[in-house]
Protein backbone atom coordinates (compact mmCIF):
# COMPACT_ATOMS: atom_id res chain seq x y z
CA UNK A 1 89.50 6.45 -82.52
CA UNK A 2 92.03 7.61 -79.91
CA UNK A 3 89.46 7.68 -77.10
CA UNK A 4 88.21 4.22 -78.08
CA UNK A 5 91.78 2.92 -77.78
CA UNK A 6 92.16 4.54 -74.35
CA UNK A 7 88.87 2.99 -73.22
CA UNK A 8 89.85 -0.44 -74.54
CA UNK A 9 93.17 -0.45 -72.68
CA UNK A 10 91.51 0.70 -69.46
CA UNK A 11 88.81 -1.95 -69.66
CA UNK A 12 91.01 -4.80 -70.91
CA UNK A 13 94.15 -4.21 -68.85
CA UNK A 14 93.17 -1.74 -66.11
CA UNK A 15 96.01 0.57 -67.14
CA UNK A 16 95.88 4.37 -67.25
CA UNK A 17 97.96 6.49 -69.65
CA UNK A 18 101.23 7.98 -68.50
CA UNK A 19 102.41 11.35 -69.87
CA UNK A 20 106.20 11.33 -69.31
CA UNK A 21 107.26 14.32 -71.45
CA UNK A 22 106.63 17.91 -70.31
CA UNK A 23 107.45 19.23 -73.80
CA UNK A 24 104.99 16.81 -75.38
CA UNK A 25 101.99 16.66 -73.02
CA UNK A 26 99.71 14.87 -75.51
CA UNK A 27 101.89 11.79 -76.09
CA UNK A 28 100.74 8.95 -73.85
CA UNK A 29 102.53 5.79 -72.81
CA UNK A 30 100.86 2.65 -71.49
CA UNK A 31 102.99 0.42 -69.25
CA UNK A 32 102.66 -2.96 -67.58
CA UNK A 33 102.02 -2.64 -63.85
CA UNK A 34 104.59 -5.29 -62.91
CA UNK A 35 107.64 -4.80 -65.14
CA UNK A 36 106.85 -1.18 -66.16
CA UNK A 37 107.57 -1.94 -69.83
CA UNK A 38 105.74 0.03 -72.49
CA UNK A 39 103.24 -1.84 -74.60
CA UNK A 40 101.76 1.17 -76.39
CA UNK A 41 102.76 4.73 -77.25
CA UNK A 42 100.15 7.12 -78.66
CA UNK A 43 101.24 10.39 -80.24
CA UNK A 44 100.42 12.96 -82.89
CA UNK A 45 102.79 13.01 -85.88
CA UNK A 46 102.89 14.94 -89.19
CA UNK A 47 102.12 12.49 -91.97
CA UNK A 48 105.20 13.50 -93.96
CA UNK A 49 107.39 12.10 -91.16
CA UNK A 50 105.73 8.75 -91.78
CA UNK A 51 106.53 8.80 -95.47
CA UNK A 52 103.04 10.05 -96.43
CA UNK A 53 102.87 13.04 -98.78
CA UNK A 54 100.90 15.37 -96.48
CA UNK A 55 101.52 17.92 -93.73
CA UNK A 56 98.37 16.79 -91.91
CA UNK A 57 98.76 15.71 -88.28
CA UNK A 58 97.65 12.16 -87.56
CA UNK A 59 97.31 10.25 -84.28
CA UNK A 60 99.25 6.98 -84.26
CA UNK A 61 99.98 4.14 -81.88
CA UNK A 62 103.31 2.31 -81.66
CA UNK A 63 103.03 -1.39 -80.78
CA UNK A 64 105.57 -4.17 -80.31
CA UNK A 65 105.47 -7.21 -82.59
CA UNK A 66 108.08 -9.84 -81.69
CA UNK A 67 107.09 -12.24 -84.46
CA UNK A 68 109.19 -11.19 -87.48
CA UNK A 69 106.93 -12.87 -90.01
CA UNK A 70 103.78 -11.27 -88.56
CA UNK A 71 105.46 -7.87 -88.53
CA UNK A 72 106.54 -8.34 -92.15
CA UNK A 73 102.96 -9.09 -93.17
CA UNK A 74 101.48 -6.24 -91.15
CA UNK A 75 103.64 -3.48 -92.62
CA UNK A 76 102.34 -4.40 -96.07
CA UNK A 77 98.82 -3.45 -94.99
CA UNK A 78 97.42 0.04 -95.46
CA UNK A 79 97.75 2.19 -92.35
CA UNK A 80 100.57 0.13 -90.78
CA UNK A 81 104.24 1.07 -91.25
CA UNK A 82 107.64 0.35 -89.65
CA UNK A 83 107.76 2.12 -86.33
CA UNK A 84 108.26 5.88 -86.15
CA UNK A 85 110.87 6.88 -83.53
CA UNK A 86 111.36 3.31 -82.21
CA UNK A 87 113.14 0.08 -83.21
CA UNK A 88 111.72 -0.74 -86.63
CA UNK A 89 112.55 -4.45 -86.33
CA UNK A 90 110.33 -4.96 -83.30
CA UNK A 91 107.74 -2.15 -83.35
CA UNK A 92 105.12 -0.94 -85.80
CA UNK A 93 103.21 2.32 -86.14
CA UNK A 94 99.46 2.08 -86.71
CA UNK A 95 97.44 5.07 -87.93
CA UNK A 96 94.41 5.84 -85.77
CA UNK A 97 92.54 7.72 -88.49
CA UNK A 98 90.19 4.90 -89.45
CA UNK A 99 92.47 3.39 -92.08
CA UNK A 100 92.89 0.33 -89.85
CA UNK A 101 89.67 -1.08 -88.44
CA UNK A 102 89.15 -0.55 -84.73
CA UNK A 103 88.92 -4.25 -83.90
CA UNK A 104 92.19 -4.87 -85.74
CA UNK A 105 93.87 -2.14 -83.70
CA UNK A 106 92.58 -3.76 -80.50
CA UNK A 107 93.96 -7.14 -81.59
CA UNK A 108 97.39 -5.62 -82.25
CA UNK A 109 97.33 -3.98 -78.81
CA UNK A 110 96.78 -7.46 -77.35
CA UNK A 111 99.78 -8.78 -79.33
CA UNK A 112 101.96 -5.94 -78.06
CA UNK A 113 100.79 -6.43 -74.48
CA UNK A 114 101.74 -10.11 -74.61
CA UNK A 115 105.06 -9.39 -76.33
CA UNK A 116 106.12 -7.03 -73.54
CA UNK A 117 104.75 -9.07 -70.62
CA UNK A 118 106.98 -10.46 -67.91
CA UNK A 119 108.27 -14.01 -68.41
CA UNK A 120 105.95 -15.24 -65.65
CA UNK A 121 102.89 -13.70 -67.29
CA UNK A 122 103.87 -15.05 -70.73
CA UNK A 123 104.06 -18.57 -69.35
CA UNK A 124 100.72 -18.26 -67.60
CA UNK A 125 98.99 -16.99 -70.74
CA UNK A 126 100.53 -19.23 -73.39
CA UNK A 127 98.43 -21.66 -75.42
CA UNK A 128 98.51 -25.36 -74.41
CA UNK A 129 101.36 -27.35 -75.96
CA UNK A 130 101.75 -31.00 -76.92
CA UNK A 131 104.70 -33.10 -75.80
CA UNK A 132 106.18 -36.58 -75.99
CA UNK A 133 107.62 -37.76 -72.68
CA UNK A 134 109.44 -41.06 -72.06
CA UNK A 135 108.43 -43.77 -69.63
CA UNK A 136 111.00 -46.33 -68.52
CA UNK A 137 109.38 -49.64 -67.48
CA UNK A 138 112.46 -50.36 -65.33
CA UNK A 139 111.44 -47.59 -62.96
CA UNK A 140 107.63 -47.53 -63.21
CA UNK A 141 104.96 -49.82 -64.65
CA UNK A 142 102.78 -47.21 -66.35
CA UNK A 143 100.74 -49.87 -68.15
CA UNK A 144 99.58 -51.35 -64.86
CA UNK A 145 99.06 -47.88 -63.40
CA UNK A 146 96.59 -46.98 -66.15
CA UNK A 147 94.82 -50.31 -65.70
CA UNK A 148 94.08 -49.27 -62.12
CA UNK A 149 93.36 -45.54 -62.57
CA UNK A 150 92.73 -43.07 -65.39
CA UNK A 151 94.62 -40.30 -63.55
CA UNK A 152 98.11 -40.77 -62.15
CA UNK A 153 101.01 -38.70 -60.83
CA UNK A 154 104.10 -38.30 -62.98
CA UNK A 155 107.49 -36.62 -62.82
CA UNK A 156 107.12 -32.91 -63.54
CA UNK A 157 108.55 -32.05 -66.98
CA UNK A 158 110.37 -28.76 -67.51
CA UNK A 159 108.14 -26.28 -69.32
CA UNK A 160 104.99 -28.39 -69.06
CA UNK A 161 101.92 -26.58 -67.74
CA UNK A 162 98.42 -27.53 -66.65
CA UNK A 163 96.27 -28.06 -69.73
CA UNK A 164 99.10 -29.34 -71.92
CA UNK A 165 98.75 -32.63 -73.79
CA UNK A 166 101.40 -35.30 -73.35
CA UNK A 167 101.97 -38.54 -75.23
CA UNK A 168 103.63 -41.23 -73.14
CA UNK A 169 106.33 -43.13 -75.00
CA UNK A 170 106.95 -46.43 -73.20
CA UNK A 171 110.52 -47.62 -73.60
CA UNK A 172 111.89 -51.09 -74.40
CA UNK A 173 110.63 -53.71 -74.77
CA UNK A 174 107.48 -51.80 -75.90
CA UNK A 175 109.22 -48.84 -77.63
CA UNK A 176 106.04 -47.05 -78.71
CA UNK A 177 103.63 -44.26 -77.79
CA UNK A 178 100.80 -45.89 -75.83
CA UNK A 179 98.88 -43.06 -74.16
CA UNK A 180 97.53 -39.58 -74.74
CA UNK A 181 96.99 -37.61 -71.53
CA UNK A 182 96.07 -34.14 -70.35
CA UNK A 183 98.03 -32.45 -67.57
CA UNK A 184 95.52 -31.62 -64.81
CA UNK A 185 97.87 -30.32 -62.09
CA UNK A 186 101.52 -29.31 -61.84
CA UNK A 187 104.16 -28.39 -59.24
CA UNK A 188 103.13 -30.99 -56.67
CA UNK A 189 105.95 -31.06 -54.05
CA UNK A 190 107.93 -34.31 -54.08
CA UNK A 191 111.53 -35.23 -53.31
CA UNK A 192 113.11 -38.46 -54.55
CA UNK A 193 116.58 -39.56 -55.59
CA UNK A 194 118.20 -42.97 -56.01
CA UNK A 195 121.42 -41.96 -57.68
CA UNK A 196 120.09 -42.48 -61.21
CA UNK A 197 116.74 -40.71 -60.97
CA UNK A 198 115.95 -37.43 -59.20
CA UNK A 199 112.42 -36.02 -58.86
CA UNK A 200 111.75 -32.58 -57.37
CA UNK A 201 108.06 -32.23 -58.20
CA UNK A 202 105.15 -34.12 -59.72
CA UNK A 203 102.27 -33.43 -62.08
CA UNK A 204 98.95 -35.21 -62.51
CA UNK A 205 98.06 -36.61 -65.92
CA UNK A 206 94.62 -37.88 -66.98
CA UNK A 207 94.26 -40.60 -69.61
CA UNK A 208 92.45 -39.49 -72.76
CA UNK A 209 93.30 -42.15 -75.33
CA UNK A 210 95.15 -45.46 -75.76
CA UNK A 211 97.12 -46.57 -78.83
CA UNK A 212 97.96 -50.07 -80.00
CA UNK A 213 101.62 -50.84 -79.44
CA UNK A 214 102.25 -51.40 -83.18
CA UNK A 215 100.97 -47.97 -84.33
CA UNK A 216 103.48 -45.38 -83.15
CA UNK A 217 106.59 -47.44 -82.65
CA UNK A 218 110.10 -46.01 -82.43
CA UNK A 219 110.75 -47.04 -86.03
CA UNK A 220 107.62 -45.22 -87.21
CA UNK A 221 108.52 -42.10 -85.20
CA UNK A 222 112.02 -42.12 -86.69
CA UNK A 223 111.21 -42.93 -90.30
CA UNK A 224 107.98 -40.95 -90.76
CA UNK A 225 108.36 -38.06 -88.31
CA UNK A 226 112.11 -37.56 -87.86
CA UNK A 227 112.15 -38.33 -84.13
CA UNK A 228 115.46 -40.08 -83.44
CA UNK A 229 115.30 -40.22 -79.64
CA UNK A 230 112.85 -39.73 -76.77
CA UNK A 231 115.05 -38.94 -73.76
CA UNK A 232 113.01 -36.18 -72.12
CA UNK A 233 109.99 -33.94 -72.70
CA UNK A 234 110.02 -32.70 -76.29
CA UNK A 235 107.63 -31.03 -78.69
CA UNK A 236 106.25 -32.97 -81.62
CA UNK A 237 105.76 -32.12 -85.30
CA UNK A 238 102.30 -31.04 -86.40
CA UNK A 239 102.01 -34.01 -88.75
CA UNK A 240 102.41 -36.37 -85.79
CA UNK A 241 99.89 -34.38 -83.75
CA UNK A 242 97.35 -34.92 -86.53
CA UNK A 243 98.12 -38.64 -86.75
CA UNK A 244 97.78 -39.10 -82.99
CA UNK A 245 94.43 -37.29 -83.08
């Protein structure tokens, strides 16, 4: 399976193995091209050093798993153990002797690659998120804006990326979520300040759905979903995501 792993990493990530130890010429490290961090270490280890009652040599791969709960589940599976020779809280050792299916090994390589990626790459590759963002009618009439167009520009929210879903909460006197939108563009240059409001960049949001003003009121958000304030971009509970549809 070792060669299959090498081939997968080459094809998937265009990375060649590095052999950093003269005394151990068979142990191979795979690194990110940008931050040079390891995401995989392949080596040959006697099974008894892994807690297995055998002197047989086995090829293993060390992979990083940042998610504690995932790591805890993985090390209960056959062929996966707390990392040999590395931080056991963040890395695992996977036997490459066929005990773990090849496709599962490839999936864990992907997890390790993402866990060790640069912050910029992690942001670019993350799954779309859903947010509530506030709209103050004193500053902008969003209701009229969506009567005229189904795509408008909006103040860029910290952490919001193209593809994310946002729910616009319109403040008093409405005090309810009225719109579901998708972010279609971010980081549009814009400079504005009036002493109370400062805008450094804009994003474009496209209308997907409207809600009646009596459905997701502030009282409903507070009493049923534990949302006590909407002062800036914030994530939303899964139960509310389901209700908003």
